[in-house]
Amino acid sequence: MIDNQLVTDIVTRRKSLHPDDPSVQEEWERLTNIFSQNENETLEYFQHCSPEILAWLSEVFEDISAALQSEQFITCIEGLALKYPDLDLELDISYAKQSMNCK
């Protein structure tokens, strides 16, 4: 089971960083590692996380997709884009699709 508090803590740290801070990459790697371990748990987490957390997690859609190589993951995030149209996830989803089979 994905530790919601750990994800929230990582996202909180990420939010506090300047976009050009090298530490951003470290937080992205931590999130990618968490969500690349178990596809079913990842899909479940994404279906139930808050829109705010989802918006920050969209930064690593591409990396998660490259690791999972899962059409189900793509379908999941496409569904979330429809559920939360104000989050403007289309570009991140496009990158996630492009990362399929690019391991």
PDB file of N, CA and C in Angstrom:
ATOM      1  N   MET A   1       0.840  -1.187   0.000  1.00  0.00           N
ATOM      2  CA  MET A   1       0.000   0.000   0.000  1.00  0.00           C
ATOM      3  C   MET A   1       0.887   1.253   0.000  1.00  0.00           C
ATOM      4  N   ILE A   2       0.528   2.195  -0.822  1.00  0.00           N
ATOM      5  CA  ILE A   2       1.301   3.426  -0.923  1.00  0.00           C
ATOM      6  C   ILE A   2       1.018   4.293   0.298  1.00  0.00           C
ATOM      7  N   ASP A   3       2.087   4.788   0.892  1.00  0.00           N
ATOM      8  CA  ASP A   3       2.005   5.604   2.096  1.00  0.00           C
ATOM      9  C   ASP A   3       1.580   7.029   1.717  1.00  0.00           C
ATOM     10  N   ASN A   4       0.322   7.341   1.954  1.00  0.00           N
ATOM     11  CA  ASN A   4      -0.221   8.648   1.600  1.00  0.00           C
ATOM     12  C   ASN A   4       0.539   9.784   2.277  1.00  0.00           C
ATOM     13  N   GLN A   5       0.908   9.594   3.531  1.00  0.00           N
ATOM     14  CA  GLN A   5       1.610  10.657   4.250  1.00  0.00           C
ATOM     15  C   GLN A   5       2.986  10.913   3.641  1.00  0.00           C
ATOM     16  N   LEU A   6       3.669   9.848   3.234  1.00  0.00           N
ATOM     17  CA  LEU A   6       4.978  10.006   2.599  1.00  0.00           C
ATOM     18  C   LEU A   6       4.840  10.794   1.294  1.00  0.00           C
ATOM     19  N   VAL A   7       3.859  10.442   0.485  1.00  0.00           N
ATOM     20  CA  VAL A   7       3.634  11.162  -0.776  1.00  0.00           C
ATOM     21  C   VAL A   7       3.311  12.626  -0.487  1.00  0.00           C
ATOM     22  N   THR A   8       2.447  12.869   0.473  1.00  0.00           N
ATOM     23  CA  THR A   8       2.091  14.243   0.838  1.00  0.00           C
ATOM     24  C   THR A   8       3.318  15.017   1.294  1.00  0.00           C
ATOM     25  N   ASP A   9       4.166  14.388   2.090  1.00  0.00           N
ATOM     26  CA  ASP A   9       5.389  15.047   2.560  1.00  0.00           C
ATOM     27  C   ASP A   9       6.318  15.393   1.398  1.00  0.00           C
ATOM     28  N   ILE A  10       6.473  14.474   0.457  1.00  0.00           N
ATOM     29  CA  ILE A  10       7.336  14.727  -0.702  1.00  0.00           C
ATOM     30  C   ILE A  10       6.765  15.864  -1.544  1.00  0.00           C
ATOM     31  N   VAL A  11       5.459  15.837  -1.777  1.00  0.00           N
ATOM     32  CA  VAL A  11       4.821  16.900  -2.556  1.00  0.00           C
ATOM     33  C   VAL A  11       4.962  18.239  -1.835  1.00  0.00           C
ATOM     34  N   THR A  12       4.816  18.249  -0.530  1.00  0.00           N
ATOM     35  CA  THR A  12       4.973  19.484   0.241  1.00  0.00           C
ATOM     36  C   THR A  12       6.388  20.036   0.088  1.00  0.00           C
ATOM     37  N   ARG A  13       7.383  19.145   0.155  1.00  0.00           N
ATOM     38  CA  ARG A  13       8.770  19.583  -0.054  1.00  0.00           C
ATOM     39  C   ARG A  13       8.947  20.126  -1.470  1.00  0.00           C
ATOM     40  N   ARG A  14       8.386  19.423  -2.441  1.00  0.00           N
ATOM     41  CA  ARG A  14       8.502  19.851  -3.841  1.00  0.00           C
ATOM     42  C   ARG A  14       7.881  21.226  -4.033  1.00  0.00           C
ATOM     43  N   LYS A  15       6.731  21.458  -3.432  1.00  0.00           N
ATOM     44  CA  LYS A  15       6.049  22.746  -3.563  1.00  0.00           C
ATOM     45  C   LYS A  15       6.895  23.893  -3.026  1.00  0.00           C
ATOM     46  N   SER A  16       7.718  23.608  -2.038  1.00  0.00           N
ATOM     47  CA  SER A  16       8.523  24.657  -1.412  1.00  0.00           C
ATOM     48  C   SER A  16       9.784  24.997  -2.206  1.00  0.00           C
ATOM     49  N   LEU A  17      10.095  24.203  -3.219  1.00  0.00           N
ATOM     50  CA  LEU A  17      11.325  24.395  -3.984  1.00  0.00           C
ATOM     51  C   LEU A  17      11.104  25.299  -5.192  1.00  0.00           C
ATOM     52  N   HIS A  18      12.113  26.064  -5.510  1.00  0.00           N
ATOM     53  CA  HIS A  18      12.109  26.846  -6.746  1.00  0.00           C
ATOM     54  C   HIS A  18      12.191  25.869  -7.917  1.00  0.00           C
ATOM     55  N   PRO A  19      11.499  26.140  -9.018  1.00  0.00           N
ATOM     56  CA  PRO A  19      11.519  25.200 -10.149  1.00  0.00           C
ATOM     57  C   PRO A  19      12.919  24.848 -10.663  1.00  0.00           C
ATOM     58  N   ASP A  20      13.881  25.737 -10.495  1.00  0.00           N
ATOM     59  CA  ASP A  20      15.244  25.476 -10.970  1.00  0.00           C
ATOM     60  C   ASP A  20      16.146  24.840  -9.919  1.00  0.00           C
ATOM     61  N   ASP A  21      15.615  24.597  -8.744  1.00  0.00           N
ATOM     62  CA  ASP A  21      16.404  23.971  -7.674  1.00  0.00           C
ATOM     63  C   ASP A  21      16.735  22.529  -8.062  1.00  0.00           C
ATOM     64  N   PRO A  22      18.004  22.133  -7.985  1.00  0.00           N
ATOM     65  CA  PRO A  22      18.383  20.755  -8.327  1.00  0.00           C
ATOM     66  C   PRO A  22      17.683  19.700  -7.464  1.00  0.00           C
ATOM     67  N   SER A  23      17.219  20.078  -6.298  1.00  0.00           N
ATOM     68  CA  SER A  23      16.526  19.140  -5.412  1.00  0.00           C
ATOM     69  C   SER A  23      15.186  18.684  -5.981  1.00  0.00           C
ATOM     70  N   VAL A  24      14.640  19.439  -6.921  1.00  0.00           N
ATOM     71  CA  VAL A  24      13.375  19.047  -7.551  1.00  0.00           C
ATOM     72  C   VAL A  24      13.522  17.659  -8.167  1.00  0.00           C
ATOM     73  N   GLN A  25      14.642  17.432  -8.846  1.00  0.00           N
ATOM     74  CA  GLN A  25      14.882  16.134  -9.485  1.00  0.00           C
ATOM     75  C   GLN A  25      14.884  15.005  -8.456  1.00  0.00           C
ATOM     76  N   GLU A  26      15.444  15.252  -7.286  1.00  0.00           N
ATOM     77  CA  GLU A  26      15.470  14.237  -6.224  1.00  0.00           C
ATOM     78  C   GLU A  26      14.053  13.888  -5.773  1.00  0.00           C
ATOM     79  N   GLU A  27      13.212  14.894  -5.630  1.00  0.00           N
ATOM     80  CA  GLU A  27      11.828  14.644  -5.212  1.00  0.00           C
ATOM     81  C   GLU A  27      11.075  13.891  -6.307  1.00  0.00           C
ATOM     82  N   TRP A  28      11.333  14.246  -7.562  1.00  0.00           N
ATOM     83  CA  TRP A  28      10.712  13.521  -8.672  1.00  0.00           C
ATOM     84  C   TRP A  28      11.126  12.058  -8.662  1.00  0.00           C
ATOM     85  N   GLU A  29      12.401  11.804  -8.408  1.00  0.00           N
ATOM     86  CA  GLU A  29      12.886  10.422  -8.361  1.00  0.00           C
ATOM     87  C   GLU A  29      12.227   9.648  -7.226  1.00  0.00           C
ATOM     88  N   ARG A  30      12.068  10.298  -6.082  1.00  0.00           N
ATOM     89  CA  ARG A  30      11.415   9.634  -4.951  1.00  0.00           C
ATOM     90  C   ARG A  30       9.978   9.257  -5.307  1.00  0.00           C
ATOM     91  N   LEU A  31       9.261  10.189  -5.922  1.00  0.00           N
ATOM     92  CA  LEU A  31       7.878   9.905  -6.318  1.00  0.00           C
ATOM     93  C   LEU A  31       7.820   8.809  -7.380  1.00  0.00           C
ATOM     94  N   THR A  32       8.702   8.884  -8.350  1.00  0.00           N
ATOM     95  CA  THR A  32       8.727   7.865  -9.405  1.00  0.00           C
ATOM     96  C   THR A  32       8.991   6.491  -8.816  1.00  0.00           C
ATOM     97  N   ASN A  33       9.915   6.407  -7.883  1.00  0.00           N
ATOM     98  CA  ASN A  33      10.207   5.118  -7.243  1.00  0.00           C
ATOM     99  C   ASN A  33       8.988   4.568  -6.513  1.00  0.00           C
ATOM    100  N   ILE A  34       8.292   5.418  -5.803  1.00  0.00           N
ATOM    101  CA  ILE A  34       7.100   4.983  -5.068  1.00  0.00           C
ATOM    102  C   ILE A  34       6.045   4.435  -6.029  1.00  0.00           C
ATOM    103  N   PHE A  35       5.785   5.173  -7.106  1.00  0.00           N
ATOM    104  CA  PHE A  35       4.688   4.811  -8.006  1.00  0.00           C
ATOM    105  C   PHE A  35       5.078   3.800  -9.080  1.00  0.00           C
ATOM    106  N   SER A  36       6.329   3.390  -9.098  1.00  0.00           N
ATOM    107  CA  SER A  36       6.773   2.381 -10.070  1.00  0.00           C
ATOM    108  C   SER A  36       6.841   0.985  -9.466  1.00  0.00           C
ATOM    109  N   GLN A  37       6.603   0.868  -8.173  1.00  0.00           N
ATOM    110  CA  GLN A  37       6.734  -0.413  -7.482  1.00  0.00           C
ATOM    111  C   GLN A  37       5.590  -1.377  -7.777  1.00  0.00           C
ATOM    112  N   ASN A  38       4.368  -0.862  -7.747  1.00  0.00           N
ATOM    113  CA  ASN A  38       3.198  -1.728  -7.878  1.00  0.00           C
ATOM    114  C   ASN A  38       2.122  -0.989  -8.679  1.00  0.00           C
ATOM    115  N   GLU A  39       1.883  -1.452  -9.881  1.00  0.00           N
ATOM    116  CA  GLU A  39       0.946  -0.769 -10.775  1.00  0.00           C
ATOM    117  C   GLU A  39      -0.455  -0.661 -10.180  1.00  0.00           C
ATOM    118  N   ASN A  40      -0.967  -1.736  -9.607  1.00  0.00           N
ATOM    119  CA  ASN A  40      -2.327  -1.707  -9.054  1.00  0.00           C
ATOM    120  C   ASN A  40      -2.456  -0.697  -7.924  1.00  0.00           C
ATOM    121  N   GLU A  41      -1.459  -0.653  -7.053  1.00  0.00           N
ATOM    122  CA  GLU A  41      -1.493   0.317  -5.957  1.00  0.00           C
ATOM    123  C   GLU A  41      -1.398   1.744  -6.489  1.00  0.00           C
ATOM    124  N   THR A  42      -0.602   1.927  -7.529  1.00  0.00           N
ATOM    125  CA  THR A  42      -0.475   3.248  -8.145  1.00  0.00           C
ATOM    126  C   THR A  42      -1.808   3.696  -8.731  1.00  0.00           C
ATOM    127  N   LEU A  43      -2.452   2.814  -9.476  1.00  0.00           N
ATOM    128  CA  LEU A  43      -3.747   3.158 -10.069  1.00  0.00           C
ATOM    129  C   LEU A  43      -4.767   3.493  -8.980  1.00  0.00           C
ATOM    130  N   GLU A  44      -4.783   2.700  -7.929  1.00  0.00           N
ATOM    131  CA  GLU A  44      -5.702   2.933  -6.808  1.00  0.00           C
ATOM    132  C   GLU A  44      -5.423   4.291  -6.156  1.00  0.00           C
ATOM    133  N   TYR A  45      -4.151   4.580  -5.917  1.00  0.00           N
ATOM    134  CA  TYR A  45      -3.780   5.844  -5.286  1.00  0.00           C
ATOM    135  C   TYR A  45      -4.238   7.027  -6.145  1.00  0.00           C
ATOM    136  N   PHE A  46      -3.924   6.968  -7.427  1.00  0.00           N
ATOM    137  CA  PHE A  46      -4.265   8.074  -8.319  1.00  0.00           C
ATOM    138  C   PHE A  46      -5.771   8.291  -8.386  1.00  0.00           C
ATOM    139  N   GLN A  47      -6.547   7.214  -8.338  1.00  0.00           N
ATOM    140  CA  GLN A  47      -8.006   7.334  -8.392  1.00  0.00           C
ATOM    141  C   GLN A  47      -8.573   8.052  -7.168  1.00  0.00           C
ATOM    142  N   HIS A  48      -7.843   8.018  -6.058  1.00  0.00           N
ATOM    143  CA  HIS A  48      -8.385   8.558  -4.809  1.00  0.00           C
ATOM    144  C   HIS A  48      -7.629   9.755  -4.239  1.00  0.00           C
ATOM    145  N   CYS A  49      -6.566  10.192  -4.893  1.00  0.00           N
ATOM    146  CA  CYS A  49      -5.827  11.328  -4.332  1.00  0.00           C
ATOM    147  C   CYS A  49      -6.556  12.636  -4.646  1.00  0.00           C
ATOM    148  N   SER A  50      -6.196  13.657  -3.923  1.00  0.00           N
ATOM    149  CA  SER A  50      -6.845  14.961  -4.112  1.00  0.00           C
ATOM    150  C   SER A  50      -6.385  15.591  -5.431  1.00  0.00           C
ATOM    151  N   PRO A  51      -7.201  16.470  -5.978  1.00  0.00           N
ATOM    152  CA  PRO A  51      -6.790  17.160  -7.206  1.00  0.00           C
ATOM    153  C   PRO A  51      -5.480  17.938  -7.034  1.00  0.00           C
ATOM    154  N   GLU A  52      -5.278  18.520  -5.858  1.00  0.00           N
ATOM    155  CA  GLU A  52      -4.041  19.280  -5.622  1.00  0.00           C
ATOM    156  C   GLU A  52      -2.819  18.370  -5.693  1.00  0.00           C
ATOM    157  N   ILE A  53      -2.886  17.225  -5.030  1.00  0.00           N
ATOM    158  CA  ILE A  53      -1.771  16.271  -5.075  1.00  0.00           C
ATOM    159  C   ILE A  53      -1.585  15.770  -6.502  1.00  0.00           C
ATOM    160  N   LEU A  54      -2.682  15.466  -7.170  1.00  0.00           N
ATOM    161  CA  LEU A  54      -2.616  14.981  -8.548  1.00  0.00           C
ATOM    162  C   LEU A  54      -1.907  15.991  -9.451  1.00  0.00           C
ATOM    163  N   ALA A  55      -2.199  17.254  -9.272  1.00  0.00           N
ATOM    164  CA  ALA A  55      -1.560  18.287 -10.093  1.00  0.00           C
ATOM    165  C   ALA A  55      -0.042  18.242  -9.944  1.00  0.00           C
ATOM    166  N   TRP A  56       0.432  18.041  -8.720  1.00  0.00           N
ATOM    167  CA  TRP A  56       1.883  17.957  -8.501  1.00  0.00           C
ATOM    168  C   TRP A  56       2.444  16.638  -9.012  1.00  0.00           C
ATOM    169  N   LEU A  57       1.684  15.567  -8.867  1.00  0.00           N
ATOM    170  CA  LEU A  57       2.154  14.266  -9.351  1.00  0.00           C
ATOM    171  C   LEU A  57       2.245  14.228 -10.874  1.00  0.00           C
ATOM    172  N   SER A  58       1.490  15.088 -11.535  1.00  0.00           N
ATOM    173  CA  SER A  58       1.533  15.091 -13.004  1.00  0.00           C
ATOM    174  C   SER A  58       2.934  15.406 -13.519  1.00  0.00           C
ATOM    175  N   GLU A  59       3.753  16.039 -12.695  1.00  0.00           N
ATOM    176  CA  GLU A  59       5.139  16.310 -13.088  1.00  0.00           C
ATOM    177  C   GLU A  59       5.921  15.027 -13.361  1.00  0.00           C
ATOM    178  N   VAL A  60       5.496  13.926 -12.765  1.00  0.00           N
ATOM    179  CA  VAL A  60       6.235  12.667 -12.942  1.00  0.00           C
ATOM    180  C   VAL A  60       5.443  11.619 -13.717  1.00  0.00           C
ATOM    181  N   PHE A  61       4.350  12.011 -14.368  1.00  0.00           N
ATOM    182  CA  PHE A  61       3.596  11.056 -15.194  1.00  0.00           C
ATOM    183  C   PHE A  61       4.515  10.367 -16.201  1.00  0.00           C
ATOM    184  N   GLU A  62       5.358  11.144 -16.862  1.00  0.00           N
ATOM    185  CA  GLU A  62       6.239  10.595 -17.896  1.00  0.00           C
ATOM    186  C   GLU A  62       7.180   9.542 -17.321  1.00  0.00           C
ATOM    187  N   ASP A  63       7.778   9.837 -16.179  1.00  0.00           N
ATOM    188  CA  ASP A  63       8.728   8.900 -15.562  1.00  0.00           C
ATOM    189  C   ASP A  63       8.029   7.639 -15.066  1.00  0.00           C
ATOM    190  N   ILE A  64       6.859   7.805 -14.476  1.00  0.00           N
ATOM    191  CA  ILE A  64       6.097   6.639 -14.018  1.00  0.00           C
ATOM    192  C   ILE A  64       5.703   5.782 -15.216  1.00  0.00           C
ATOM    193  N   SER A  65       5.251   6.431 -16.267  1.00  0.00           N
ATOM    194  CA  SER A  65       4.851   5.708 -17.468  1.00  0.00           C
ATOM    195  C   SER A  65       6.023   4.943 -18.074  1.00  0.00           C
ATOM    196  N   ALA A  66       7.188   5.562 -18.113  1.00  0.00           N
ATOM    197  CA  ALA A  66       8.375   4.890 -18.653  1.00  0.00           C
ATOM    198  C   ALA A  66       8.718   3.657 -17.832  1.00  0.00           C
ATOM    199  N   ALA A  67       8.532   3.753 -16.522  1.00  0.00           N
ATOM    200  CA  ALA A  67       8.851   2.620 -15.643  1.00  0.00           C
ATOM    201  C   ALA A  67       7.802   1.515 -15.735  1.00  0.00           C
ATOM    202  N   LEU A  68       6.529   1.895 -15.732  1.00  0.00           N
ATOM    203  CA  LEU A  68       5.458   0.893 -15.714  1.00  0.00           C
ATOM    204  C   LEU A  68       5.177   0.291 -17.089  1.00  0.00           C
ATOM    205  N   GLN A  69       5.337   1.080 -18.141  1.00  0.00           N
ATOM    206  CA  GLN A  69       4.999   0.631 -19.500  1.00  0.00           C
ATOM    207  C   GLN A  69       3.590   0.026 -19.516  1.00  0.00           C
ATOM    208  N   SER A  70       2.630   0.811 -19.037  1.00  0.00           N
ATOM    209  CA  SER A  70       1.281   0.303 -18.808  1.00  0.00           C
ATOM    210  C   SER A  70       0.218   1.139 -19.508  1.00  0.00           C
ATOM    211  N   GLU A  71      -0.536   0.491 -20.365  1.00  0.00           N
ATOM    212  CA  GLU A  71      -1.683   1.154 -20.988  1.00  0.00           C
ATOM    213  C   GLU A  71      -2.726   1.509 -19.928  1.00  0.00           C
ATOM    214  N   GLN A  72      -2.827   0.693 -18.881  1.00  0.00           N
ATOM    215  CA  GLN A  72      -3.791   0.974 -17.807  1.00  0.00           C
ATOM    216  C   GLN A  72      -3.442   2.280 -17.098  1.00  0.00           C
ATOM    217  N   PHE A  73      -2.158   2.547 -16.928  1.00  0.00           N
ATOM    218  CA  PHE A  73      -1.750   3.806 -16.305  1.00  0.00           C
ATOM    219  C   PHE A  73      -2.176   4.982 -17.188  1.00  0.00           C
ATOM    220  N   ILE A  74      -1.943   4.865 -18.482  1.00  0.00           N
ATOM    221  CA  ILE A  74      -2.338   5.931 -19.409  1.00  0.00           C
ATOM    222  C   ILE A  74      -3.852   6.138 -19.357  1.00  0.00           C
ATOM    223  N   THR A  75      -4.608   5.058 -19.380  1.00  0.00           N
ATOM    224  CA  THR A  75      -6.066   5.146 -19.301  1.00  0.00           C
ATOM    225  C   THR A  75      -6.492   5.823 -18.000  1.00  0.00           C
ATOM    226  N   CYS A  76      -5.823   5.490 -16.919  1.00  0.00           N
ATOM    227  CA  CYS A  76      -6.127   6.079 -15.608  1.00  0.00           C
ATOM    228  C   CYS A  76      -5.925   7.593 -15.628  1.00  0.00           C
ATOM    229  N   ILE A  77      -4.761   8.037 -16.098  1.00  0.00           N
ATOM    230  CA  ILE A  77      -4.501   9.477 -16.058  1.00  0.00           C
ATOM    231  C   ILE A  77      -5.353  10.235 -17.085  1.00  0.00           C
ATOM    232  N   GLU A  78      -5.707   9.579 -18.182  1.00  0.00           N
ATOM    233  CA  GLU A  78      -6.643  10.207 -19.127  1.00  0.00           C
ATOM    234  C   GLU A  78      -8.011  10.397 -18.466  1.00  0.00           C
ATOM    235  N   GLY A  79      -8.440   9.409 -17.709  1.00  0.00           N
ATOM    236  CA  GLY A  79      -9.703   9.523 -16.984  1.00  0.00           C
ATOM    237  C   GLY A  79      -9.671  10.632 -15.948  1.00  0.00           C
ATOM    238  N   LEU A  80      -8.530  10.787 -15.303  1.00  0.00           N
ATOM    239  CA  LEU A  80      -8.391  11.848 -14.309  1.00  0.00           C
ATOM    240  C   LEU A  80      -8.404  13.228 -14.966  1.00  0.00           C
ATOM    241  N   ALA A  81      -7.877  13.318 -16.177  1.00  0.00           N
ATOM    242  CA  ALA A  81      -7.921  14.588 -16.909  1.00  0.00           C
ATOM    243  C   ALA A  81      -9.366  14.975 -17.214  1.00  0.00           C
ATOM    244  N   LEU A  82     -10.194  13.986 -17.502  1.00  0.00           N
ATOM    245  CA  LEU A  82     -11.619  14.255 -17.738  1.00  0.00           C
ATOM    246  C   LEU A  82     -12.334  14.619 -16.437  1.00  0.00           C
ATOM    247  N   LYS A  83     -11.956  13.949 -15.364  1.00  0.00           N
ATOM    248  CA  LYS A  83     -12.571  14.190 -14.053  1.00  0.00           C
ATOM    249  C   LYS A  83     -12.214  15.578 -13.519  1.00  0.00           C
ATOM    250  N   TYR A  84     -10.972  16.006 -13.796  1.00  0.00           N
ATOM    251  CA  TYR A  84     -10.474  17.294 -13.300  1.00  0.00           C
ATOM    252  C   TYR A  84      -9.970  18.150 -14.469  1.00  0.00           C
ATOM    253  N   PRO A  85     -10.870  18.646 -15.321  1.00  0.00           N
ATOM    254  CA  PRO A  85     -10.425  19.393 -16.505  1.00  0.00           C
ATOM    255  C   PRO A  85      -9.647  20.670 -16.178  1.00  0.00           C
ATOM    256  N   ASP A  86      -9.878  21.240 -15.011  1.00  0.00           N
ATOM    257  CA  ASP A  86      -9.178  22.469 -14.637  1.00  0.00           C
ATOM    258  C   ASP A  86      -7.692  22.250 -14.352  1.00  0.00           C
ATOM    259  N   LEU A  87      -7.269  20.991 -14.193  1.00  0.00           N
ATOM    260  CA  LEU A  87      -5.860  20.723 -13.895  1.00  0.00           C
ATOM    261  C   LEU A  87      -4.972  20.806 -15.132  1.00  0.00           C
ATOM    262  N   ASP A  88      -5.562  20.767 -16.318  1.00  0.00           N
ATOM    263  CA  ASP A  88      -4.800  20.892 -17.566  1.00  0.00           C
ATOM    264  C   ASP A  88      -3.644  19.882 -17.627  1.00  0.00           C
ATOM    265  N   LEU A  89      -4.011  18.607 -17.620  1.00  0.00           N
ATOM    266  CA  LEU A  89      -3.036  17.514 -17.580  1.00  0.00           C
ATOM    267  C   LEU A  89      -2.620  17.014 -18.966  1.00  0.00           C
ATOM    268  N   GLU A  90      -3.171  17.584 -20.013  1.00  0.00           N
ATOM    269  CA  GLU A  90      -2.984  17.032 -21.356  1.00  0.00           C
ATOM    270  C   GLU A  90      -1.520  16.926 -21.778  1.00  0.00           C
ATOM    271  N   LEU A  91      -0.723  17.958 -21.535  1.00  0.00           N
ATOM    272  CA  LEU A  91       0.681  17.923 -21.947  1.00  0.00           C
ATOM    273  C   LEU A  91       1.440  16.826 -21.202  1.00  0.00           C
ATOM    274  N   ASP A  92       1.204  16.725 -19.896  1.00  0.00           N
ATOM    275  CA  ASP A  92       1.873  15.685 -19.105  1.00  0.00           C
ATOM    276  C   ASP A  92       1.450  14.294 -19.569  1.00  0.00           C
ATOM    277  N   ILE A  93       0.189  14.142 -19.936  1.00  0.00           N
ATOM    278  CA  ILE A  93      -0.295  12.854 -20.450  1.00  0.00           C
ATOM    279  C   ILE A  93       0.358  12.547 -21.796  1.00  0.00           C
ATOM    280  N   SER A  94       0.509  13.559 -22.619  1.00  0.00           N
ATOM    281  CA  SER A  94       1.166  13.372 -23.914  1.00  0.00           C
ATOM    282  C   SER A  94       2.592  12.856 -23.730  1.00  0.00           C
ATOM    283  N   TYR A  95       3.324  13.449 -22.799  1.00  0.00           N
ATOM    284  CA  TYR A  95       4.692  12.986 -22.515  1.00  0.00           C
ATOM    285  C   TYR A  95       4.680  11.562 -21.971  1.00  0.00           C
ATOM    286  N   ALA A  96       3.692  11.255 -21.145  1.00  0.00           N
ATOM    287  CA  ALA A  96       3.587   9.899 -20.593  1.00  0.00           C
ATOM    288  C   ALA A  96       3.362   8.885 -21.708  1.00  0.00           C
ATOM    289  N   LYS A  97       2.523   9.237 -22.664  1.00  0.00           N
ATOM    290  CA  LYS A  97       2.275   8.339 -23.798  1.00  0.00           C
ATOM    291  C   LYS A  97       3.541   8.143 -24.628  1.00  0.00           C
ATOM    292  N   GLN A  98       4.276   9.216 -24.835  1.00  0.00           N
ATOM    293  CA  GLN A  98       5.505   9.139 -25.626  1.00  0.00           C
ATOM    294  C   GLN A  98       6.567   8.276 -24.953  1.00  0.00           C
ATOM    295  N   SER A  99       6.520   8.194 -23.641  1.00  0.00           N
ATOM    296  CA  SER A  99       7.545   7.433 -22.915  1.00  0.00           C
ATOM    297  C   SER A  99       7.296   5.923 -22.952  1.00  0.00           C
ATOM    298  N   MET A 100       6.140   5.527 -23.440  1.00  0.00           N
ATOM    299  CA  MET A 100       5.855   4.093 -23.558  1.00  0.00           C
ATOM    300  C   MET A 100       6.860   3.464 -24.524  1.00  0.00           C
ATOM    301  N   ASN A 101       7.444   2.357 -24.126  1.00  0.00           N
ATOM    302  CA  ASN A 101       8.430   1.632 -24.934  1.00  0.00           C
ATOM    303  C   ASN A 101       9.707   2.424 -25.196  1.00  0.00           C
ATOM    304  N   CYS A 102       9.977   3.416 -24.370  1.00  0.00           N
ATOM    305  CA  CYS A 102      11.210   4.201 -24.523  1.00  0.00           C
ATOM    306  C   CYS A 102      12.167   3.964 -23.363  1.00  0.00           C
ATOM    307  N   LYS A 103      12.048   2.841 -22.710  1.00  0.00           N
ATOM    308  CA  LYS A 103      12.891   2.537 -21.556  1.00  0.00           C
ATOM    309  C   LYS A 103      14.337   2.454 -21.958  1.00  0.00           C
TER     310      LYS A 103
END
